[in-house]
């Protein structure tokens, strides 16, 4: 049986597309909360549409993950580090799912719908309820902070393996030959 040392091209495309999308959305979300600028309305509409796209892409990503073989961590990775990598990945997937769902429900609880670039609207799953809205708004913010923490842990570990250890972990998600 051949050892897989690289992610599939589809896995790489989904990963890097989502990385750019999610980091952009997190920074846009943080800037929207801090601003009353005239662009805020358009930013909120874009944030919602890209949130729907992120939810769709994470579903595709999970299907792709179940259908493809991922490279294993190098044997030089200590068990506690491997556990930390697994828990970080679990945290990333959990927050990738919870962020858009909490945003969707938060908007529903405020009596608003979610439009996907004006093409269609998601169904409202909750009736307008200020208590639910407050809870979901706080939840969305807490999930964002956790998401940023998991992203920081993921990027830090990747750079550690790519720049210091040079053990193939970083290059497994980059196009080209594994070194």
N, C-alpha and C. Protein backbone atom coordinates (compact mmCIF):
# COMPACT_ATOMS: atom_id res chain seq x y z
N UNK A 1 0.83 -1.18 0.00
CA UNK A 1 0.00 0.00 0.00
C UNK A 1 0.87 1.25 0.00
N UNK A 2 0.58 2.17 -0.90
CA UNK A 2 1.37 3.38 -1.05
C UNK A 2 1.11 4.35 0.10
N UNK A 3 2.16 4.95 0.63
CA UNK A 3 2.04 5.94 1.68
C UNK A 3 1.69 7.29 1.05
N UNK A 4 0.65 7.90 1.56
CA UNK A 4 0.23 9.21 1.07
C UNK A 4 1.04 10.29 1.79
N UNK A 5 1.73 11.14 1.01
CA UNK A 5 2.55 12.19 1.61
C UNK A 5 2.00 13.59 1.32
N UNK A 6 0.99 13.67 0.46
CA UNK A 6 0.40 14.96 0.11
C UNK A 6 -1.12 14.85 0.12
N UNK A 7 -1.75 15.96 0.42
CA UNK A 7 -3.20 16.04 0.29
C UNK A 7 -3.54 16.08 -1.20
N UNK A 8 -4.75 15.67 -1.52
CA UNK A 8 -5.19 15.70 -2.92
C UNK A 8 -5.31 17.15 -3.39
N UNK A 9 -5.21 17.37 -4.70
CA UNK A 9 -5.39 18.73 -5.21
C UNK A 9 -6.74 19.34 -4.80
N UNK A 10 -7.79 18.54 -4.77
CA UNK A 10 -9.11 19.05 -4.34
C UNK A 10 -9.05 19.47 -2.88
N UNK A 11 -8.39 18.67 -2.04
CA UNK A 11 -8.27 19.02 -0.62
C UNK A 11 -7.50 20.32 -0.43
N UNK A 12 -6.42 20.48 -1.21
CA UNK A 12 -5.63 21.71 -1.13
C UNK A 12 -6.45 22.92 -1.56
N UNK A 13 -7.18 22.78 -2.67
CA UNK A 13 -8.00 23.88 -3.18
C UNK A 13 -9.05 24.30 -2.15
N UNK A 14 -9.74 23.32 -1.58
CA UNK A 14 -10.77 23.62 -0.58
C UNK A 14 -10.13 24.27 0.65
N UNK A 15 -9.00 23.72 1.11
CA UNK A 15 -8.32 24.24 2.29
C UNK A 15 -7.93 25.70 2.11
N UNK A 16 -7.22 26.00 1.03
CA UNK A 16 -6.71 27.35 0.83
C UNK A 16 -7.83 28.34 0.50
N UNK A 17 -8.85 27.90 -0.21
CA UNK A 17 -10.00 28.77 -0.48
C UNK A 17 -10.69 29.13 0.83
N UNK A 18 -10.92 28.13 1.66
CA UNK A 18 -11.57 28.37 2.95
C UNK A 18 -10.69 29.20 3.88
N UNK A 19 -9.38 28.99 3.83
CA UNK A 19 -8.47 29.77 4.68
C UNK A 19 -8.59 31.26 4.37
N UNK A 20 -8.54 31.60 3.09
CA UNK A 20 -8.65 33.00 2.69
C UNK A 20 -10.04 33.54 3.05
N UNK A 21 -11.08 32.77 2.75
CA UNK A 21 -12.45 33.18 3.02
C UNK A 21 -12.68 33.41 4.51
N UNK A 22 -12.27 32.46 5.33
CA UNK A 22 -12.54 32.52 6.76
C UNK A 22 -11.76 33.64 7.44
N UNK A 23 -10.49 33.77 7.11
CA UNK A 23 -9.70 34.84 7.73
C UNK A 23 -10.25 36.21 7.31
N UNK A 24 -10.62 36.34 6.04
CA UNK A 24 -11.23 37.60 5.58
C UNK A 24 -12.52 37.88 6.33
N UNK A 25 -13.34 36.86 6.50
CA UNK A 25 -14.63 37.04 7.19
C UNK A 25 -14.43 37.39 8.66
N UNK A 26 -13.47 36.76 9.30
CA UNK A 26 -13.22 37.08 10.71
C UNK A 26 -12.80 38.53 10.88
N UNK A 27 -11.90 39.00 10.01
CA UNK A 27 -11.47 40.39 10.10
C UNK A 27 -12.60 41.35 9.71
N UNK A 28 -13.38 40.99 8.71
CA UNK A 28 -14.53 41.81 8.33
C UNK A 28 -15.52 41.87 9.49
N UNK A 29 -15.79 40.72 10.10
CA UNK A 29 -16.71 40.68 11.24
C UNK A 29 -16.23 41.55 12.39
N UNK A 30 -14.94 41.48 12.69
CA UNK A 30 -14.39 42.31 13.77
C UNK A 30 -14.48 43.79 13.43
N UNK A 31 -14.24 44.14 12.18
CA UNK A 31 -14.30 45.55 11.79
C UNK A 31 -15.75 46.06 11.79
N UNK A 32 -16.71 45.20 11.44
CA UNK A 32 -18.11 45.62 11.43
C UNK A 32 -18.59 45.96 12.83
N UNK A 33 -18.15 45.20 13.80
CA UNK A 33 -18.58 45.41 15.18
C UNK A 33 -18.06 46.75 15.70
N UNK A 34 -16.91 47.16 15.21
CA UNK A 34 -16.25 48.37 15.71
C UNK A 34 -16.60 49.62 14.91
N UNK A 35 -17.44 49.50 13.88
CA UNK A 35 -17.63 50.62 12.98
C UNK A 35 -19.09 50.96 12.77
N UNK A 36 -19.33 52.22 12.55
CA UNK A 36 -20.64 52.70 12.12
C UNK A 36 -20.50 53.38 10.75
N UNK A 37 -19.47 53.01 10.01
CA UNK A 37 -19.19 53.64 8.72
C UNK A 37 -20.29 53.34 7.72
N UNK A 38 -20.33 54.13 6.65
CA UNK A 38 -21.37 53.99 5.64
C UNK A 38 -21.28 52.64 4.91
N UNK A 39 -20.12 52.04 4.89
CA UNK A 39 -19.94 50.75 4.20
C UNK A 39 -20.42 49.56 5.04
N UNK A 40 -20.83 49.81 6.27
CA UNK A 40 -21.18 48.71 7.16
C UNK A 40 -22.34 47.87 6.64
N UNK A 41 -23.35 48.49 6.05
CA UNK A 41 -24.51 47.73 5.54
C UNK A 41 -24.07 46.75 4.46
N UNK A 42 -23.26 47.23 3.53
CA UNK A 42 -22.76 46.34 2.47
C UNK A 42 -21.85 45.26 3.05
N UNK A 43 -21.06 45.64 4.03
CA UNK A 43 -20.16 44.67 4.67
C UNK A 43 -20.96 43.56 5.35
N UNK A 44 -22.04 43.91 6.02
CA UNK A 44 -22.88 42.92 6.69
C UNK A 44 -23.49 41.97 5.66
N UNK A 45 -23.99 42.53 4.55
CA UNK A 45 -24.58 41.68 3.49
C UNK A 45 -23.53 40.73 2.92
N UNK A 46 -22.33 41.23 2.68
CA UNK A 46 -21.25 40.36 2.18
C UNK A 46 -20.88 39.30 3.22
N UNK A 47 -20.79 39.72 4.47
CA UNK A 47 -20.44 38.80 5.55
C UNK A 47 -21.44 37.64 5.62
N UNK A 48 -22.73 37.96 5.49
CA UNK A 48 -23.76 36.93 5.53
C UNK A 48 -23.64 35.99 4.33
N UNK A 49 -23.47 36.55 3.13
CA UNK A 49 -23.36 35.72 1.93
C UNK A 49 -22.13 34.82 1.98
N UNK A 50 -21.02 35.39 2.39
CA UNK A 50 -19.81 34.58 2.50
C UNK A 50 -19.92 33.56 3.62
N UNK A 51 -20.71 33.84 4.65
CA UNK A 51 -20.97 32.86 5.71
C UNK A 51 -21.71 31.65 5.16
N UNK A 52 -22.69 31.90 4.29
CA UNK A 52 -23.41 30.79 3.63
C UNK A 52 -22.44 29.98 2.79
N UNK A 53 -21.57 30.68 2.05
CA UNK A 53 -20.57 29.99 1.23
C UNK A 53 -19.63 29.15 2.10
N UNK A 54 -19.22 29.70 3.24
CA UNK A 54 -18.34 28.95 4.15
C UNK A 54 -19.02 27.69 4.67
N UNK A 55 -20.30 27.80 5.02
CA UNK A 55 -21.04 26.63 5.49
C UNK A 55 -21.13 25.57 4.40
N UNK A 56 -21.40 26.00 3.19
CA UNK A 56 -21.45 25.08 2.04
C UNK A 56 -20.09 24.42 1.83
N UNK A 57 -19.03 25.23 1.86
CA UNK A 57 -17.68 24.69 1.63
C UNK A 57 -17.24 23.73 2.73
N UNK A 58 -17.61 23.98 3.98
CA UNK A 58 -17.22 23.06 5.04
C UNK A 58 -17.94 21.73 4.86
N UNK A 59 -19.16 21.75 4.36
CA UNK A 59 -19.87 20.49 4.07
C UNK A 59 -19.14 19.73 2.96
N UNK A 60 -18.74 20.44 1.91
CA UNK A 60 -17.97 19.81 0.82
C UNK A 60 -16.64 19.29 1.36
N UNK A 61 -16.03 20.08 2.22
CA UNK A 61 -14.73 19.69 2.80
C UNK A 61 -14.86 18.40 3.61
N UNK A 62 -15.93 18.28 4.39
CA UNK A 62 -16.13 17.06 5.19
C UNK A 62 -16.40 15.85 4.29
N UNK A 63 -17.15 16.05 3.23
CA UNK A 63 -17.38 14.95 2.28
C UNK A 63 -16.06 14.56 1.63
N UNK A 64 -15.30 15.56 1.18
CA UNK A 64 -13.99 15.29 0.57
C UNK A 64 -13.07 14.57 1.54
N UNK A 65 -13.08 14.99 2.79
CA UNK A 65 -12.23 14.36 3.82
C UNK A 65 -12.58 12.89 4.02
N UNK A 66 -13.88 12.58 3.92
CA UNK A 66 -14.30 11.19 4.11
C UNK A 66 -13.98 10.32 2.89
N UNK A 67 -13.78 10.94 1.74
CA UNK A 67 -13.55 10.18 0.50
C UNK A 67 -12.07 10.07 0.11
N UNK A 68 -11.22 10.88 0.73
CA UNK A 68 -9.80 10.88 0.36
C UNK A 68 -8.94 10.45 1.55
N UNK A 69 -7.75 10.03 1.24
CA UNK A 69 -6.79 9.64 2.27
C UNK A 69 -5.88 10.82 2.57
N UNK A 70 -5.74 11.14 3.83
CA UNK A 70 -4.88 12.24 4.25
C UNK A 70 -3.53 11.70 4.68
N UNK A 71 -2.47 12.50 4.50
CA UNK A 71 -1.15 12.07 5.00
C UNK A 71 -1.17 11.92 6.51
N UNK A 72 -0.44 10.97 6.99
CA UNK A 72 -0.28 10.79 8.44
C UNK A 72 0.79 11.75 8.94
N UNK A 73 0.72 12.07 10.22
CA UNK A 73 1.78 12.87 10.82
C UNK A 73 3.07 12.05 10.82
N UNK A 74 4.22 12.69 10.71
CA UNK A 74 5.48 11.96 10.78
C UNK A 74 5.62 11.21 12.10
N UNK A 75 6.32 10.10 12.07
CA UNK A 75 6.51 9.29 13.28
C UNK A 75 7.30 10.05 14.35
N UNK A 76 8.02 11.10 13.95
CA UNK A 76 8.80 11.90 14.91
C UNK A 76 7.91 12.79 15.79
N UNK A 77 6.63 12.91 15.45
CA UNK A 77 5.73 13.74 16.24
C UNK A 77 5.34 12.98 17.51
N UNK A 78 5.62 13.59 18.64
CA UNK A 78 5.32 12.96 19.93
C UNK A 78 3.80 12.79 20.10
N UNK A 79 3.41 11.79 20.89
CA UNK A 79 1.98 11.52 21.10
C UNK A 79 1.21 12.72 21.64
N UNK A 80 1.75 13.47 22.61
CA UNK A 80 1.00 14.65 23.07
C UNK A 80 0.80 15.69 21.95
N UNK A 81 1.80 15.84 21.08
CA UNK A 81 1.67 16.77 19.95
C UNK A 81 0.63 16.25 18.95
N UNK A 82 0.63 14.96 18.71
CA UNK A 82 -0.35 14.37 17.79
C UNK A 82 -1.76 14.55 18.35
N UNK A 83 -1.92 14.39 19.65
CA UNK A 83 -3.22 14.61 20.29
C UNK A 83 -3.63 16.07 20.16
N UNK A 84 -2.68 16.99 20.39
CA UNK A 84 -2.96 18.42 20.25
C UNK A 84 -3.36 18.75 18.81
N UNK A 85 -2.69 18.13 17.84
CA UNK A 85 -3.03 18.36 16.43
C UNK A 85 -4.45 17.87 16.15
N UNK A 86 -4.78 16.70 16.66
CA UNK A 86 -6.13 16.15 16.45
C UNK A 86 -7.20 17.04 17.09
N UNK A 87 -6.95 17.48 18.33
CA UNK A 87 -7.92 18.32 19.02
C UNK A 87 -8.07 19.69 18.36
N UNK A 88 -6.95 20.22 17.85
CA UNK A 88 -7.00 21.49 17.13
C UNK A 88 -7.82 21.34 15.85
N UNK A 89 -7.60 20.25 15.13
CA UNK A 89 -8.36 20.01 13.91
C UNK A 89 -9.85 19.85 14.23
N UNK A 90 -10.15 19.13 15.29
CA UNK A 90 -11.54 18.98 15.72
C UNK A 90 -12.14 20.35 16.08
N UNK A 91 -11.37 21.17 16.77
CA UNK A 91 -11.83 22.52 17.11
C UNK A 91 -12.06 23.38 15.88
N UNK A 92 -11.17 23.26 14.90
CA UNK A 92 -11.34 24.02 13.66
C UNK A 92 -12.62 23.61 12.93
N UNK A 93 -12.84 22.32 12.79
CA UNK A 93 -14.06 21.86 12.10
C UNK A 93 -15.31 22.25 12.88
N UNK A 94 -15.26 22.14 14.19
CA UNK A 94 -16.41 22.50 15.01
C UNK A 94 -16.74 23.98 14.85
N UNK A 95 -15.73 24.83 14.92
CA UNK A 95 -15.98 26.27 14.78
C UNK A 95 -16.34 26.64 13.35
N UNK A 96 -15.81 25.92 12.35
CA UNK A 96 -16.19 26.18 10.95
C UNK A 96 -17.68 25.92 10.73
N UNK A 97 -18.23 24.99 11.50
CA UNK A 97 -19.65 24.68 11.38
C UNK A 97 -20.48 25.62 12.26
N UNK A 98 -20.03 25.84 13.49
CA UNK A 98 -20.81 26.64 14.44
C UNK A 98 -20.86 28.13 14.08
N UNK A 99 -19.80 28.67 13.49
CA UNK A 99 -19.80 30.10 13.15
C UNK A 99 -20.95 30.47 12.23
N UNK A 100 -21.06 29.84 11.05
CA UNK A 100 -22.15 30.26 10.17
C UNK A 100 -23.53 29.89 10.71
N UNK A 101 -23.65 28.76 11.40
CA UNK A 101 -24.95 28.39 11.93
C UNK A 101 -25.39 29.37 13.03
N UNK A 102 -24.46 29.76 13.91
CA UNK A 102 -24.83 30.71 14.96
C UNK A 102 -25.17 32.07 14.36
N UNK A 103 -24.47 32.47 13.29
CA UNK A 103 -24.80 33.73 12.62
C UNK A 103 -26.17 33.68 11.96
N UNK A 104 -26.47 32.57 11.31
CA UNK A 104 -27.77 32.36 10.67
C UNK A 104 -28.89 32.45 11.70
N UNK A 105 -28.74 31.70 12.79
CA UNK A 105 -29.78 31.70 13.84
C UNK A 105 -29.89 33.05 14.52
N UNK A 106 -28.75 33.73 14.71
CA UNK A 106 -28.76 35.05 15.32
C UNK A 106 -29.59 36.01 14.46
N UNK A 107 -29.38 35.98 13.17
CA UNK A 107 -30.13 36.85 12.27
C UNK A 107 -31.62 36.50 12.29
N UNK A 108 -31.94 35.21 12.32
CA UNK A 108 -33.34 34.78 12.41
C UNK A 108 -33.98 35.32 13.69
N UNK A 109 -33.27 35.22 14.81
CA UNK A 109 -33.81 35.66 16.10
C UNK A 109 -34.00 37.18 16.14
N UNK A 110 -33.35 37.89 15.22
CA UNK A 110 -33.53 39.34 15.12
C UNK A 110 -34.56 39.69 14.05
N UNK A 111 -35.21 38.67 13.49
CA UNK A 111 -36.24 38.90 12.48
C UNK A 111 -35.71 39.15 11.09
N UNK A 112 -34.44 38.83 10.87
CA UNK A 112 -33.81 39.05 9.56
C UNK A 112 -33.57 37.72 8.86
N UNK A 113 -33.58 37.77 7.55
CA UNK A 113 -33.25 36.56 6.79
C UNK A 113 -31.82 36.67 6.27
N UNK A 114 -31.33 35.56 5.77
CA UNK A 114 -29.98 35.51 5.21
C UNK A 114 -30.11 35.31 3.71
N UNK A 115 -29.61 36.28 2.96
CA UNK A 115 -29.62 36.19 1.50
C UNK A 115 -28.23 35.78 1.03
N UNK A 116 -28.19 34.94 0.01
CA UNK A 116 -26.92 34.53 -0.59
C UNK A 116 -26.72 35.32 -1.86
N UNK A 117 -26.01 36.44 -1.73
CA UNK A 117 -25.71 37.35 -2.84
C UNK A 117 -26.96 37.73 -3.64
N UNK A 118 -28.11 37.78 -2.97
CA UNK A 118 -29.36 38.14 -3.63
C UNK A 118 -29.96 37.06 -4.50
N UNK A 119 -29.33 35.89 -4.54
CA UNK A 119 -29.82 34.79 -5.40
C UNK A 119 -30.94 34.00 -4.75
N UNK A 120 -30.81 33.76 -3.45
CA UNK A 120 -31.83 33.06 -2.69
C UNK A 120 -31.63 33.38 -1.22
N UNK A 121 -32.64 33.09 -0.43
CA UNK A 121 -32.56 33.31 1.01
C UNK A 121 -32.68 31.98 1.74
N UNK A 122 -31.95 31.87 2.83
CA UNK A 122 -32.07 30.69 3.67
C UNK A 122 -33.38 30.76 4.44
N UNK A 123 -33.96 29.62 4.76
CA UNK A 123 -35.20 29.66 5.55
C UNK A 123 -34.93 30.16 6.97
N UNK A 124 -35.91 30.83 7.53
CA UNK A 124 -35.81 31.26 8.93
C UNK A 124 -36.15 30.05 9.80
N UNK A 125 -35.23 29.71 10.69
CA UNK A 125 -35.40 28.55 11.56
C UNK A 125 -35.92 28.93 12.94
N UNK A 126 -35.84 30.23 13.27
CA UNK A 126 -36.31 30.73 14.56
C UNK A 126 -37.23 31.93 14.33
N UNK A 127 -38.16 32.07 15.24
CA UNK A 127 -38.98 33.28 15.23
C UNK A 127 -38.22 34.38 15.94
N UNK A 128 -38.63 35.62 15.67
CA UNK A 128 -37.99 36.76 16.29
C UNK A 128 -38.12 36.65 17.81
N UNK A 129 -36.95 36.77 18.50
CA UNK A 129 -36.93 36.64 19.95
C UNK A 129 -35.67 37.34 20.46
N UNK A 130 -35.83 38.43 21.15
CA UNK A 130 -34.69 39.24 21.59
C UNK A 130 -33.77 38.46 22.54
N UNK A 131 -34.33 37.59 23.37
CA UNK A 131 -33.49 36.80 24.28
C UNK A 131 -32.61 35.83 23.50
N UNK A 132 -33.20 35.16 22.51
CA UNK A 132 -32.41 34.26 21.67
C UNK A 132 -31.34 35.04 20.91
N UNK A 133 -31.75 36.21 20.41
CA UNK A 133 -30.80 37.04 19.65
C UNK A 133 -29.59 37.38 20.52
N UNK A 134 -29.83 37.83 21.75
CA UNK A 134 -28.72 38.19 22.64
C UNK A 134 -27.81 37.00 22.91
N UNK A 135 -28.42 35.86 23.19
CA UNK A 135 -27.62 34.65 23.45
C UNK A 135 -26.81 34.26 22.21
N UNK A 136 -27.44 34.27 21.05
CA UNK A 136 -26.76 33.86 19.82
C UNK A 136 -25.69 34.86 19.39
N UNK A 137 -25.92 36.14 19.65
CA UNK A 137 -24.91 37.15 19.33
C UNK A 137 -23.66 36.93 20.17
N UNK A 138 -23.86 36.70 21.48
CA UNK A 138 -22.72 36.40 22.36
C UNK A 138 -22.04 35.10 21.95
N UNK A 139 -22.84 34.10 21.61
CA UNK A 139 -22.28 32.81 21.18
C UNK A 139 -21.44 32.98 19.92
N UNK A 140 -21.95 33.76 18.96
CA UNK A 140 -21.23 34.00 17.71
C UNK A 140 -19.88 34.66 18.00
N UNK A 141 -19.86 35.61 18.93
CA UNK A 141 -18.62 36.30 19.29
C UNK A 141 -17.64 35.35 20.00
N UNK A 142 -18.14 34.53 20.90
CA UNK A 142 -17.28 33.58 21.62
C UNK A 142 -16.71 32.55 20.66
N UNK A 143 -17.54 32.06 19.75
CA UNK A 143 -17.07 31.08 18.76
C UNK A 143 -15.99 31.73 17.88
N UNK A 144 -16.16 33.01 17.54
CA UNK A 144 -15.15 33.71 16.73
C UNK A 144 -13.81 33.75 17.45
N UNK A 145 -13.83 34.03 18.74
CA UNK A 145 -12.58 34.07 19.52
C UNK A 145 -11.94 32.69 19.56
N UNK A 146 -12.75 31.67 19.80
CA UNK A 146 -12.22 30.29 19.80
C UNK A 146 -11.67 29.93 18.42
N UNK A 147 -12.38 30.33 17.37
CA UNK A 147 -11.94 30.07 16.01
C UNK A 147 -10.56 30.70 15.76
N UNK A 148 -10.41 31.96 16.17
CA UNK A 148 -9.11 32.63 16.01
C UNK A 148 -8.02 31.90 16.79
N UNK A 149 -8.34 31.40 17.97
CA UNK A 149 -7.38 30.65 18.77
C UNK A 149 -6.96 29.37 18.04
N UNK A 150 -7.94 28.63 17.53
CA UNK A 150 -7.62 27.39 16.79
C UNK A 150 -6.82 27.69 15.53
N UNK A 151 -7.15 28.77 14.83
CA UNK A 151 -6.39 29.14 13.64
C UNK A 151 -4.95 29.47 14.02
N UNK A 152 -4.77 30.24 15.10
CA UNK A 152 -3.43 30.57 15.57
C UNK A 152 -2.63 29.31 15.90
N UNK A 153 -3.27 28.38 16.59
CA UNK A 153 -2.59 27.12 16.96
C UNK A 153 -2.22 26.34 15.70
N UNK A 154 -3.14 26.27 14.74
CA UNK A 154 -2.92 25.52 13.49
C UNK A 154 -1.77 26.14 12.69
N UNK A 155 -1.81 27.45 12.51
CA UNK A 155 -0.77 28.13 11.73
C UNK A 155 0.58 28.04 12.45
N UNK A 156 0.59 28.22 13.76
CA UNK A 156 1.85 28.12 14.53
C UNK A 156 2.47 26.74 14.40
N UNK A 157 1.66 25.71 14.55
CA UNK A 157 2.18 24.34 14.44
C UNK A 157 2.67 24.06 13.02
N UNK A 158 1.93 24.55 12.04
CA UNK A 158 2.33 24.33 10.65
C UNK A 158 3.66 25.01 10.36
N UNK A 159 3.82 26.24 10.81
CA UNK A 159 5.09 26.94 10.59
C UNK A 159 6.23 26.28 11.35
N UNK A 160 5.96 25.80 12.55
CA UNK A 160 6.97 25.07 13.32
C UNK A 160 7.46 23.85 12.54
N UNK A 161 6.50 23.08 12.02
CA UNK A 161 6.88 21.88 11.25
C UNK A 161 7.53 22.24 9.93
N UNK A 162 7.07 23.31 9.29
CA UNK A 162 7.60 23.67 7.98
C UNK A 162 8.94 24.36 8.02
N UNK A 163 9.12 25.26 8.98
CA UNK A 163 10.34 26.06 9.03
C UNK A 163 11.42 25.49 9.94
N UNK A 164 11.02 24.92 11.06
CA UNK A 164 12.01 24.40 12.00
C UNK A 164 12.27 22.91 11.82
N UNK A 165 11.22 22.12 11.89
CA UNK A 165 11.38 20.66 11.80
C UNK A 165 11.61 20.20 10.36
N UNK A 166 11.01 20.89 9.41
CA UNK A 166 11.10 20.54 7.98
C UNK A 166 10.82 19.05 7.76
N UNK A 167 9.69 18.61 8.33
CA UNK A 167 9.35 17.19 8.31
C UNK A 167 8.24 16.82 7.32
N UNK A 168 7.88 17.77 6.43
CA UNK A 168 6.90 17.47 5.40
C UNK A 168 5.46 17.82 5.74
N UNK A 169 5.20 18.24 6.97
CA UNK A 169 3.83 18.56 7.36
C UNK A 169 3.32 19.76 6.55
N UNK A 170 4.09 20.83 6.47
CA UNK A 170 3.67 22.00 5.71
C UNK A 170 3.59 21.69 4.22
N UNK A 171 4.60 21.06 3.67
CA UNK A 171 4.63 20.80 2.23
C UNK A 171 3.54 19.83 1.79
N UNK A 172 2.96 19.07 2.72
CA UNK A 172 1.88 18.14 2.35
C UNK A 172 0.62 18.89 1.91
N UNK A 173 0.49 20.17 2.27
CA UNK A 173 -0.68 20.96 1.89
C UNK A 173 -0.32 22.02 0.85
N UNK A 174 0.90 21.96 0.32
CA UNK A 174 1.32 22.90 -0.71
C UNK A 174 1.47 22.18 -2.05
N UNK A 175 1.13 22.87 -3.15
CA UNK A 175 1.31 22.24 -4.46
C UNK A 175 2.79 21.95 -4.72
N UNK A 176 3.06 21.02 -5.59
CA UNK A 176 4.44 20.66 -5.93
C UNK A 176 4.85 19.38 -5.24
N UNK A 177 6.10 19.04 -5.39
CA UNK A 177 6.61 17.80 -4.81
C UNK A 177 6.89 17.97 -3.33
N UNK A 178 6.66 16.91 -2.58
CA UNK A 178 6.98 16.90 -1.16
C UNK A 178 8.47 16.79 -0.99
N UNK A 179 9.02 17.55 -0.06
CA UNK A 179 10.48 17.52 0.17
C UNK A 179 10.81 16.80 1.45
